[in-house]
Structures are given as structure tokens and as C-alpha cells.
């Protein structure tokens, strides 16, 4: 019986995909949420496709082949120089009572590099990723005893981008594993790595802008309509620190003293330090009237320029992960994380009436399975990694005494590329997200379905990155 040919993803294919990624704009709208109207927009975790599939974990999540874009210490565990990138497409459904609105959006998720010499313990990281997104176009139809029926429409777009440069280093702990005969005498010993400790930090520059407008359109033509437009320019800079501790819990060897199974425990933390944030806001009030030929501006009432400066809180994430490598070649990984940020200490000066900052908390959990190793797998499905993740987030913004909360389920698949000979992979993740703010007067609910495609690429050009040349 003829075996089916395995899926071959070669570097020419990867290079073409990489070109398409680089042609996209990092600021492309990737949300269609009314809740992104408030504060700094909808905050983004910055997780790559492989991490997204594991509930967007990053504190203790480490991998020898995939770049951890959340914890700056994670790059020290990579085996070699790594590039990570991806893009996503989302379909979102907005519901309020019997009203339903739909929208499709997409954009580049990140561009990240880790420069690391094969066998080294130090890595330099740099890249760009979205920090927040704003994108909405919603309307409410209300009635008034005097003006009768009128419509309030809210529109917004934009977001913040984060660029960073980081450094990570890893220390290893080693010990001799001794083997004994039936009489208890030492017959052999093997020196193995029993632990790894990595620390890292990176400097981050956040920049970007958001445009927002609020329009009141009165059905009765005798009334003049009004529009308020704001343009915001945001800036902040600061540091994020992280650590990861990896400990070998158990190990089993065969008769040839080769490691056949092991268990690893990892703990880690990410600390996004507080930093000063500046928001330069220009606001313009105008009057206009809708005629048969279209909207006509009647008068520009006035404009204002304001500067809001405040200190963002420290965001802390702590996590743990367990990994088991079986004698049959299967790899199991599972982990959990907890996050918190004290947003309630910020001034509400720049927010709309009825909106306040509130402390944020969240949890994530993930599970992954790689059925077989690269050398043992007979096909693409055997060497692929399958992941399931969950993420819950509550807080950050309080709207009419209702905190914004979201829950996200994710299902992922990662396939090593045969043509790369270096552990590069194609990563795909599906997400299902539900967002609401219980207790609000409008009770807007969101359901979103997303698809994220990413690449993890290792040295191309015949694997010659950072490899010393030899000459006769």
C-alpha cells in the first residue's frame, strides 16, 4: 500500500508568505468592538500564534523553537536565531437587544526577531507588535419630546504600536547521574542538565494615534446636527522584566544511558513596569445639516487642544508549566497563569462621563500534545503539535458600574516545516471570544471568531546565520 506523501512546506513558500506579511501594515484594524471606544482602546496581549493557542500564556511558557513574545527572558531558551510573524482575520458579531451588527477585520499581529548563536545562552530580541486597537461604528436611535427622533453615531479607528529591544541570558545547573549494578556499586555516570534559569529585560516604546467622532443626527430638518471629533496622539516608554526557572523533576534512561523520558517544571513571571503616558488630544465641535446633496457643515464652533499625562500601572503576570516527554516520543505540556494591574489609581480626567478605570485581573490555562518526535513520526499529523487554551480577563474599564470582561477559547495546530531542516514551523490558531460589560444600561454583547496564521522561521540561507566560517 502506497503511503500518502507528507505535507512539505519549503523555504520558498515561507519566503513568499514572509513577503506578504511585511507588505501589511502593523496598524491595520483588527477589532470591531464598541468597547474599544474607551481608554486606550482594546489592549492586546502581544502573543504569537503558538502562544495564542495556549491561552496567550507567556510567563512560564518556553519553547526551544518558538519565540516567547511576552516574557523577555524566554528567548534565552531558544536553540538558535528565530523570526516570528503572523496575521489574523476576525469576524465579530455585536448584539444589543434585538439589534445585530457584523464586521470583518484583520491585520498583522507582530514582527519579532531573536538573535542567538547556536549553543549560546544569550539572546537579543527586537520587534514590533500591537499594544491596543480601536475600531467601531455603532449608532443608537433615541427619541426626545422636543426634537422627536434622533440618532447618535459613534465612530473610531486607530491604535497603539509597541516597538522593543531586549536582552536575555540563561544559566544552567548540571549534575552527575549515577548508575548502579545489582550489588549497589557505581557502574557508570552521566552528566545532565538539571535546571535552567533565565532573566531578561527589554526597552519598549509605545506610539500611535486614535481618531474618534460622535455625531447627533436629528431627523427633523429644522434642527442643526452636531459633530464632535477628537484626534489623539499617544506616547510612552518603559521597561519590562521577566524570569523563567526550569527544573528537571524526573528522568529515565535506557540501558545505553540515553534519556528516554523526562518531566520538567517551569515557573516564571513578567513585570511590565509602570511608566509615564502622554495623550495629546485635539477636539473639534462643528454644526452641520443633512441636505439632499449630502451633509453640509454649517459652522465650526470651536476647537481645543489638551494634554493628559498620567502614570500607567505595573502589570504583573505569574505562571507555572509542566512538561512530560514520554518514552514513546509524545510530549505533553500544560500550564496556568494569573495576571493583575492596578488601573484604579489613574485619574478619570481623559475619560467620558460614566467611564472609570478599574483594576484588572485575568487567568489563562493551556494544554498541548505532540504525538511523536520528528524522527519517529511517519507523517505530518504525527509530528504536529495540537493545543487547547482558555483566557479570561476582567477589568481595565468600568462602564456604568459594569466592568468589561472577556473570555476566549483557542484551538491551535503547529506543523514543523520539512524543507527548513532547522525546526521552523507553520502555526495556525482559531479563537472564539465573548465580551460584555454586565450591569451597563445598553448591555452590548460581542462574539468573535478569529483565525491567526503565523510562521516561526529559523536560519535560512542554508542555515548559515551566526555560524563561524572555516577557511583552508
Protein backbone atom coordinates (compact mmCIF):
# COMPACT_ATOMS: atom_id res chain seq x y z
CA UNK A 1 0.00 0.00 0.00
CA UNK A 2 1.41 3.38 -1.02
CA UNK A 3 1.85 5.84 1.84
CA UNK A 4 0.50 9.37 1.25
CA UNK A 5 3.16 11.99 0.69
CA UNK A 6 3.73 14.19 3.77
CA UNK A 7 2.99 17.89 3.58
CA UNK A 8 6.17 19.70 2.56
CA UNK A 9 6.41 23.39 3.44
CA UNK A 10 9.63 24.62 1.89
CA UNK A 11 11.54 27.83 2.39
CA UNK A 12 10.49 29.33 -0.98
CA UNK A 13 6.91 29.03 0.25
CA UNK A 14 7.86 30.53 3.62
CA UNK A 15 9.75 33.39 1.94
CA UNK A 16 6.70 34.23 -0.16
CA UNK A 17 4.50 34.23 2.93
CA UNK A 18 7.03 36.41 4.74
CA UNK A 19 6.89 38.93 1.91
CA UNK A 20 3.13 39.08 2.21
CA UNK A 21 3.44 39.64 5.95
CA UNK A 22 5.87 42.51 5.53
CA UNK A 23 3.59 44.17 2.97
CA UNK A 24 0.83 44.52 5.56
CA UNK A 25 0.57 47.47 7.94
CA UNK A 26 1.01 46.76 11.63
CA UNK A 27 -1.60 49.42 12.39
CA UNK A 28 -4.31 47.65 10.35
CA UNK A 29 -7.60 47.47 12.18
CA UNK A 30 -8.02 44.14 13.93
CA UNK A 31 -11.05 44.85 16.11
CA UNK A 32 -14.66 45.86 15.55
CA UNK A 33 -15.64 46.46 19.16
CA UNK A 34 -17.69 49.30 20.70
CA UNK A 35 -15.73 48.72 23.90
CA UNK A 36 -12.56 49.85 22.12
CA UNK A 37 -14.03 53.37 22.23
CA UNK A 38 -12.89 53.84 25.83
CA UNK A 39 -9.50 54.45 27.43
CA UNK A 40 -6.54 53.33 25.35
CA UNK A 41 -8.68 51.03 23.19
CA UNK A 42 -8.79 47.25 23.43
CA UNK A 43 -5.47 46.15 24.94
CA UNK A 44 -3.60 43.42 23.05
CA UNK A 45 -1.52 40.74 24.75
CA UNK A 46 1.12 40.59 22.01
CA UNK A 47 1.08 36.77 21.95
CA UNK A 48 2.19 34.93 18.83
CA UNK A 49 0.22 32.16 17.14
CA UNK A 50 1.79 29.35 19.18
CA UNK A 51 1.18 31.20 22.45
CA UNK A 52 -2.32 32.25 21.39
CA UNK A 53 -3.24 28.58 21.10
CA UNK A 54 -2.18 28.04 24.74
CA UNK A 55 -4.47 30.73 26.17
CA UNK A 56 -1.95 33.51 25.39
CA UNK A 57 0.33 32.32 28.17
CA UNK A 58 3.81 33.81 28.41
CA UNK A 59 5.13 33.91 31.98
CA UNK A 60 6.36 30.29 32.22
CA UNK A 61 5.70 29.19 28.61
CA UNK A 62 9.04 28.49 26.91
CA UNK A 63 9.96 26.56 23.83
CA UNK A 64 13.23 25.71 22.11
CA UNK A 65 11.78 26.50 18.67
CA UNK A 66 9.11 29.19 19.23
CA UNK A 67 9.80 32.75 20.35
CA UNK A 68 8.03 33.92 23.51
CA UNK A 69 6.97 37.50 22.69
CA UNK A 70 5.50 38.19 26.16
CA UNK A 71 8.35 37.28 28.52
CA UNK A 72 11.70 38.88 27.56
CA UNK A 73 13.54 36.04 29.35
CA UNK A 74 12.01 33.33 27.17
CA UNK A 75 14.35 33.96 24.22
CA UNK A 76 17.29 32.57 26.21
CA UNK A 77 15.82 29.05 25.86
CA UNK A 78 15.81 29.15 22.04
CA UNK A 79 18.27 26.91 20.24
CA UNK A 80 19.12 29.42 17.52
CA UNK A 81 18.18 32.69 15.81
CA UNK A 82 14.42 32.89 15.33
CA UNK A 83 11.92 35.04 13.44
CA UNK A 84 8.22 35.10 14.30
CA UNK A 85 5.39 36.79 12.43
CA UNK A 86 1.73 36.38 11.69
CA UNK A 87 -1.57 37.91 10.67
CA UNK A 88 -5.15 37.39 11.73
CA UNK A 89 -8.66 37.64 10.32
CA UNK A 90 -11.66 38.14 12.59
CA UNK A 91 -15.41 38.11 12.19
CA UNK A 92 -17.25 39.88 15.03
CA UNK A 93 -20.92 39.97 15.89
CA UNK A 94 -22.23 42.86 18.04
CA UNK A 95 -25.60 42.43 19.78
CA UNK A 96 -27.75 44.88 21.74
CA UNK A 97 -31.28 43.69 22.46
CA UNK A 98 -32.76 42.62 19.10
CA UNK A 99 -30.19 44.60 17.09
CA UNK A 100 -27.26 42.77 15.49
CA UNK A 101 -24.25 44.15 13.62
CA UNK A 102 -21.44 42.23 11.94
CA UNK A 103 -17.95 43.14 10.82
CA UNK A 104 -14.83 41.50 9.40
CA UNK A 105 -11.39 42.86 10.20
CA UNK A 106 -7.78 41.74 10.01
CA UNK A 107 -4.17 42.77 10.25
CA UNK A 108 -0.59 41.89 11.10
CA UNK A 109 -0.13 40.60 14.64
CA UNK A 110 3.61 41.06 15.12
CA UNK A 111 7.11 41.02 13.67
CA UNK A 112 9.66 39.65 16.16
CA UNK A 113 13.32 38.61 15.99
CA UNK A 114 15.63 36.85 18.44
CA UNK A 115 19.31 36.82 17.54
CA UNK A 116 21.03 33.90 19.25
CA UNK A 117 24.12 31.88 18.42
CA UNK A 118 23.56 28.11 18.29
CA UNK A 119 24.63 26.70 21.64
CA UNK A 120 24.78 30.14 23.23
CA UNK A 121 22.97 31.31 26.33
CA UNK A 122 22.38 34.96 25.46
CA UNK A 123 19.78 36.32 23.04
CA UNK A 124 19.00 39.78 21.70
CA UNK A 125 15.37 40.43 20.81
CA UNK A 126 13.66 43.20 18.86
CA UNK A 127 10.37 43.66 17.06
CA UNK A 128 7.01 45.39 16.84
CA UNK A 129 3.53 44.33 17.92
CA UNK A 130 0.13 45.98 18.51
CA UNK A 131 -0.39 47.32 22.02
CA UNK A 132 -4.03 48.35 21.59
CA UNK A 133 -6.69 48.61 18.88
CA UNK A 134 -9.67 50.92 18.37
CA UNK A 135 -12.30 50.20 15.73
CA UNK A 136 -16.06 50.72 15.94
CA UNK A 137 -19.02 52.19 14.06
CA UNK A 138 -22.22 51.99 16.10
CA UNK A 139 -25.42 54.02 16.31
CA UNK A 140 -28.35 54.47 18.70
CA UNK A 141 -31.79 55.79 17.74
CA UNK A 142 -33.45 57.71 20.57
CA UNK A 143 -36.47 59.99 21.00
CA UNK A 144 -36.87 63.39 22.62
CA UNK A 145 -40.11 65.28 23.47
CA UNK A 146 -38.87 68.37 21.59
CA UNK A 147 -36.58 67.15 18.80
CA UNK A 148 -38.51 63.90 18.37
CA UNK A 149 -36.37 61.10 16.85
CA UNK A 150 -32.59 61.47 16.59
CA UNK A 151 -29.58 59.24 16.03
CA UNK A 152 -26.26 59.21 17.91
CA UNK A 153 -23.46 57.59 15.93
CA UNK A 154 -20.01 56.72 17.30
CA UNK A 155 -17.07 56.04 15.01
CA UNK A 156 -13.43 55.36 15.82
CA UNK A 157 -10.25 53.87 14.40
CA UNK A 158 -6.54 53.59 15.15
CA UNK A 159 -4.45 52.02 17.85
CA UNK A 160 -1.08 51.89 19.57
CA UNK A 161 2.02 50.02 18.41
CA UNK A 162 4.87 48.81 20.60
CA UNK A 163 8.48 48.58 19.43
CA UNK A 164 11.05 46.93 21.68
CA UNK A 165 14.68 45.92 22.09
CA UNK A 166 15.63 43.33 24.69
CA UNK A 167 18.33 41.09 26.12
CA UNK A 168 18.04 37.66 27.80
CA UNK A 169 20.56 35.32 29.41
CA UNK A 170 20.33 31.77 30.77
CA UNK A 171 22.30 29.89 33.42
CA UNK A 172 22.33 26.10 33.59
CA UNK A 173 22.63 23.75 36.52
CA UNK A 174 24.28 20.37 35.94
CA UNK A 175 24.70 17.19 37.96
CA UNK A 176 26.09 13.68 37.59
CA UNK A 177 23.52 10.91 37.26
CA UNK A 178 24.98 7.66 38.58
CA UNK A 179 24.02 4.12 37.60
CA UNK A 180 24.39 1.10 39.86
CA UNK A 181 24.59 -2.65 39.44
CA UNK A 182 22.62 -5.27 41.39
CA UNK A 183 25.10 -5.05 44.28
CA UNK A 184 24.77 -1.26 44.58
CA UNK A 185 28.14 -0.48 43.06
CA UNK A 186 28.51 2.50 40.73
CA UNK A 187 28.97 1.29 37.16
CA UNK A 188 28.62 4.48 35.17
CA UNK A 189 27.65 8.14 35.38
CA UNK A 190 26.28 10.73 33.00
CA UNK A 191 26.36 14.49 33.41
CA UNK A 192 22.97 16.02 32.66
CA UNK A 193 21.40 19.49 32.75
CA UNK A 194 19.06 19.58 35.74
CA UNK A 195 17.91 23.20 35.71
CA UNK A 196 17.87 26.42 33.76
CA UNK A 197 17.35 29.97 34.99
CA UNK A 198 16.81 32.83 32.57
CA UNK A 199 16.34 36.54 33.17
CA UNK A 200 15.60 39.19 30.60
CA UNK A 201 14.55 42.74 30.07
CA UNK A 202 13.55 44.95 27.20
CA UNK A 203 13.01 48.63 26.49
CA UNK A 204 9.62 49.41 24.95
CA UNK A 205 8.43 52.46 23.03
CA UNK A 206 4.67 52.75 22.53
CA UNK A 207 3.30 55.17 19.94
CA UNK A 208 0.23 55.68 17.82
CA UNK A 209 -2.99 57.61 17.49
CA UNK A 210 -6.75 57.22 17.57
CA UNK A 211 -9.50 59.19 15.87
CA UNK A 212 -12.97 59.28 17.37
CA UNK A 213 -16.18 61.07 16.47
CA UNK A 214 -19.66 61.44 17.95
CA UNK A 215 -22.46 62.67 15.71
CA UNK A 216 -26.02 63.67 16.64
CA UNK A 217 -28.31 63.50 13.62
CA UNK A 218 -31.81 64.86 14.25
CA UNK A 219 -34.48 63.57 11.87
CA UNK A 220 -36.42 66.85 11.89
CA UNK A 221 -34.67 69.06 9.26
CA UNK A 222 -35.37 72.29 11.16
CA UNK A 223 -32.71 71.33 13.72
CA UNK A 224 -28.98 71.65 13.19
CA UNK A 225 -26.98 68.47 13.75
CA UNK A 226 -23.73 68.42 15.74
CA UNK A 227 -20.49 66.51 15.50
CA UNK A 228 -17.57 66.18 17.94
CA UNK A 229 -14.28 64.89 16.52
CA UNK A 230 -11.16 64.04 18.51
CA UNK A 231 -7.67 63.13 17.34
CA UNK A 232 -5.32 61.66 19.93
CA UNK A 233 -1.57 61.12 19.80
CA UNK A 234 -0.24 58.69 22.43
CA UNK A 235 3.32 58.13 23.65
CA UNK A 236 5.01 56.19 26.46
CA UNK A 237 8.27 54.36 27.07
CA UNK A 238 9.42 51.95 29.76
CA UNK A 239 10.86 48.57 30.65
CA UNK A 240 9.51 45.04 31.00
CA UNK A 241 11.40 42.46 33.07
CA UNK A 242 10.95 38.69 33.18
CA UNK A 243 12.34 35.46 34.54
CA UNK A 244 11.89 31.73 33.91
CA UNK A 245 13.07 28.86 36.12
CA UNK A 246 13.11 25.37 34.59
CA UNK A 247 13.70 22.33 36.80
CA UNK A 248 14.14 18.69 35.82
CA UNK A 249 11.78 16.75 38.09
CA UNK A 250 12.25 13.19 36.84
CA UNK A 251 14.28 11.40 34.17
CA UNK A 252 14.54 7.83 32.89
CA UNK A 253 17.40 6.29 30.90
CA UNK A 254 17.69 3.14 28.80
CA UNK A 255 20.43 0.52 29.07
CA UNK A 256 22.68 2.63 26.82
CA UNK A 257 22.44 5.59 29.24
CA UNK A 258 20.29 7.58 26.80
CA UNK A 259 17.48 9.76 28.12
CA UNK A 260 14.13 8.25 27.11
CA UNK A 261 11.60 10.16 29.24
CA UNK A 262 11.54 13.24 31.47
CA UNK A 263 9.35 15.65 33.43
CA UNK A 264 10.04 19.38 33.66
CA UNK A 265 8.52 22.08 35.86
CA UNK A 266 8.74 25.74 34.91
CA UNK A 267 7.77 28.86 36.83
CA UNK A 268 8.03 32.40 35.52
CA UNK A 269 6.97 35.98 35.84
CA UNK A 270 6.59 39.08 33.67
CA UNK A 271 6.64 42.58 35.14
CA UNK A 272 5.66 45.43 32.83
CA UNK A 273 6.89 48.36 34.92
CA UNK A 274 4.80 51.49 35.40
CA UNK A 275 5.58 54.34 33.02
CA UNK A 276 4.52 57.87 32.19
CA UNK A 277 1.98 58.14 29.37
CA UNK A 278 1.14 61.26 27.36
CA UNK A 279 -2.03 61.81 25.35
CA UNK A 280 -2.20 64.92 23.12
CA UNK A 281 -5.85 65.42 22.22
CA UNK A 282 -7.33 67.86 19.69
CA UNK A 283 -11.12 68.24 19.82
CA UNK A 284 -13.32 69.97 17.26
CA UNK A 285 -17.01 70.82 17.64
CA UNK A 286 -18.99 71.57 14.48
CA UNK A 287 -22.58 72.00 13.29
CA UNK A 288 -23.87 70.53 10.07
CA UNK A 289 -27.10 69.77 8.27
CA UNK A 290 -28.11 66.89 6.00
CA UNK A 291 -29.41 68.11 2.65
CA UNK A 292 -30.47 66.24 -0.46
CA UNK A 293 -26.93 66.60 -1.77
CA UNK A 294 -25.42 65.20 1.44
CA UNK A 295 -24.11 66.53 4.78
CA UNK A 296 -23.07 70.19 4.75
CA UNK A 297 -21.05 71.77 7.54
CA UNK A 298 -22.76 74.93 8.75
CA UNK A 299 -20.38 76.19 11.41
CA UNK A 300 -17.22 75.16 13.21
CA UNK A 301 -17.98 76.17 16.75
CA UNK A 302 -14.54 75.85 18.33
CA UNK A 303 -11.51 73.63 18.81
CA UNK A 304 -9.47 72.75 21.88
CA UNK A 305 -6.04 71.19 22.46
CA UNK A 306 -5.45 69.25 25.67
CA UNK A 307 -2.55 67.25 27.08
CA UNK A 308 -3.20 64.42 29.52
CA UNK A 309 -0.23 62.99 31.41
CA UNK A 310 -0.54 60.09 33.81
CA UNK A 311 1.44 57.09 35.03
CA UNK A 312 0.38 53.67 33.80
CA UNK A 313 0.34 50.92 36.46
CA UNK A 314 2.67 47.96 36.65
CA UNK A 315 1.22 44.85 35.01
CA UNK A 316 2.28 41.59 36.64
CA UNK A 317 1.92 38.03 35.35
CA UNK A 318 2.90 34.85 37.22
CA UNK A 319 2.67 31.33 35.82
CA UNK A 320 3.70 27.69 36.00
CA UNK A 321 4.02 24.99 33.36
CA UNK A 322 4.60 21.23 33.46
CA UNK A 323 6.08 19.22 30.58
CA UNK A 324 6.23 15.45 30.21
CA UNK A 325 8.21 13.67 27.49
CA UNK A 326 7.21 10.01 27.27
CA UNK A 327 9.33 7.05 26.25
CA UNK A 328 7.21 6.70 23.09
CA UNK A 329 8.13 10.19 21.92
CA UNK A 330 4.94 12.05 22.91
CA UNK A 331 5.23 15.45 24.58
CA UNK A 332 2.53 16.79 26.91
CA UNK A 333 2.50 20.38 28.21
CA UNK A 334 0.05 22.13 30.49
CA UNK A 335 0.17 25.42 32.35
CA UNK A 336 -1.73 28.17 34.14
CA UNK A 337 -1.19 31.92 34.61
CA UNK A 338 -2.55 34.78 36.71
CA UNK A 339 -2.40 38.49 35.80
CA UNK A 340 -3.17 41.74 37.59
CA UNK A 341 -2.84 45.50 37.06
CA UNK A 342 -3.95 48.36 39.37
CA UNK A 343 -5.65 50.69 36.89
CA UNK A 344 -7.95 52.21 39.54
CA UNK A 345 -5.21 54.60 40.67
CA UNK A 346 -5.39 56.61 37.42
CA UNK A 347 -7.28 59.87 37.05
CA UNK A 348 -10.54 59.70 35.06
CA UNK A 349 -9.93 63.14 33.53
CA UNK A 350 -9.49 61.92 29.95
CA UNK A 351 -12.45 59.50 30.04
CA UNK A 352 -16.09 60.03 29.08
CA UNK A 353 -18.71 60.60 31.80
CA UNK A 354 -19.77 57.32 33.40
CA UNK A 355 -16.47 55.60 32.49
CA UNK A 356 -13.72 54.96 35.05
CA UNK A 357 -10.53 52.96 35.34
CA UNK A 358 -10.78 49.76 37.38
CA UNK A 359 -8.28 47.11 38.50
CA UNK A 360 -7.73 44.30 36.02
CA UNK A 361 -7.34 40.58 36.73
CA UNK A 362 -7.10 37.58 34.46
CA UNK A 363 -6.25 33.89 34.24
CA UNK A 364 -5.06 31.66 31.40
CA UNK A 365 -4.70 27.90 31.02
CA UNK A 366 -3.42 25.72 28.21
CA UNK A 367 -2.76 22.14 27.16
CA UNK A 368 -0.74 20.83 24.20
CA UNK A 369 0.24 17.44 22.77
CA UNK A 370 2.89 16.46 20.24
CA UNK A 371 2.17 12.77 19.49
CA UNK A 372 5.62 11.90 18.13
CA UNK A 373 9.03 13.44 17.59
CA UNK A 374 10.44 14.48 14.24
CA UNK A 375 12.48 11.29 13.89
CA UNK A 376 9.69 8.92 14.93
CA UNK A 377 6.69 10.43 13.14
CA UNK A 378 5.55 8.77 9.93
CA UNK A 379 3.57 11.75 8.67
CA UNK A 380 2.71 15.37 9.19
CA UNK A 381 -0.09 14.67 11.66
CA UNK A 382 2.21 12.70 13.95
CA UNK A 383 4.86 15.39 14.31
CA UNK A 384 2.42 18.33 14.61
CA UNK A 385 1.53 19.94 17.94
CA UNK A 386 -2.13 20.34 18.96
CA UNK A 387 -3.11 22.93 21.58
CA UNK A 388 -6.17 23.99 23.55
CA UNK A 389 -6.29 27.20 25.58
CA UNK A 390 -8.57 29.41 27.66
CA UNK A 391 -8.15 33.04 28.73
CA UNK A 392 -10.39 35.20 30.94
CA UNK A 393 -9.90 38.91 31.51
CA UNK A 394 -11.95 41.27 33.69
CA UNK A 395 -11.50 44.95 34.44
CA UNK A 396 -9.39 47.77 32.97
CA UNK A 397 -12.51 49.86 32.19
CA UNK A 398 -15.71 50.30 34.22
CA UNK A 399 -18.74 51.45 32.19
CA UNK A 400 -21.82 52.49 34.17
CA UNK A 401 -20.54 50.36 37.09
CA UNK A 402 -20.09 47.32 34.81
CA UNK A 403 -16.54 46.01 34.29
CA UNK A 404 -15.55 44.90 30.79
CA UNK A 405 -14.91 41.15 30.81
CA UNK A 406 -13.94 38.75 28.05
CA UNK A 407 -13.47 35.01 27.69
CA UNK A 408 -11.50 33.40 24.87
CA UNK A 409 -11.18 29.75 23.84
CA UNK A 410 -8.43 28.82 21.40
CA UNK A 411 -7.54 25.75 19.36
CA UNK A 412 -4.13 25.57 17.71
CA UNK A 413 -2.02 23.49 15.39
CA UNK A 414 1.73 23.79 14.73
CA UNK A 415 3.46 21.88 11.93
CA UNK A 416 7.28 21.70 11.55
CA UNK A 417 8.48 22.52 8.05
CA UNK A 418 10.20 19.63 6.29
CA UNK A 419 12.20 21.78 3.91
CA UNK A 420 13.83 24.01 6.52
CA UNK A 421 15.92 21.32 8.31
CA UNK A 422 16.03 23.66 11.32
CA UNK A 423 12.78 23.35 13.26
CA UNK A 424 10.85 26.15 11.53
CA UNK A 425 7.08 25.75 11.65
CA UNK A 426 3.73 26.89 10.37
CA UNK A 427 1.32 27.84 13.18
CA UNK A 428 -2.47 28.21 12.97
CA UNK A 429 -4.93 29.13 15.74
CA UNK A 430 -8.70 29.51 15.88
CA UNK A 431 -10.21 31.67 18.63
CA UNK A 432 -13.74 32.16 20.00
CA UNK A 433 -14.14 35.30 22.11
CA UNK A 434 -17.09 36.69 24.09
CA UNK A 435 -17.02 40.22 25.56
CA UNK A 436 -19.57 42.08 27.69
CA UNK A 437 -19.94 44.61 30.49
CA UNK A 438 -22.68 43.36 32.81
CA UNK A 439 -24.71 45.95 34.61
CA UNK A 440 -24.47 48.62 31.89
CA UNK A 441 -27.53 50.41 30.58
CA UNK A 442 -27.00 49.24 26.99
CA UNK A 443 -25.83 45.65 27.69
CA UNK A 444 -23.81 45.30 24.49
CA UNK A 445 -22.51 41.78 23.86
CA UNK A 446 -19.80 40.71 21.44
CA UNK A 447 -18.97 37.34 19.95
CA UNK A 448 -15.91 36.98 17.75
CA UNK A 449 -14.42 34.20 15.65
CA UNK A 450 -10.82 34.63 14.59
CA UNK A 451 -8.17 32.81 12.57
CA UNK A 452 -4.48 33.52 13.13
CA UNK A 453 -1.74 32.26 10.83
CA UNK A 454 1.87 32.59 11.90
CA UNK A 455 5.37 31.47 10.98
CA UNK A 456 8.30 30.60 13.17
CA UNK A 457 11.40 30.68 10.97
CA UNK A 458 14.94 29.66 11.86
CA UNK A 459 18.15 30.36 9.94
CA UNK A 460 17.63 30.34 6.21
CA UNK A 461 20.34 30.78 3.58
CA UNK A 462 21.29 27.11 4.21
CA UNK A 463 21.32 27.66 7.98
CA UNK A 464 24.37 29.91 7.95
CA UNK A 465 23.18 32.66 10.33
CA UNK A 466 25.75 33.29 13.06
CA UNK A 467 27.78 30.20 12.06
CA UNK A 468 31.56 30.83 12.01
CA UNK A 469 33.14 30.34 8.58
CA UNK A 470 36.06 27.99 8.12
CA UNK A 471 38.78 28.61 5.56
CA UNK A 472 41.69 26.44 4.45
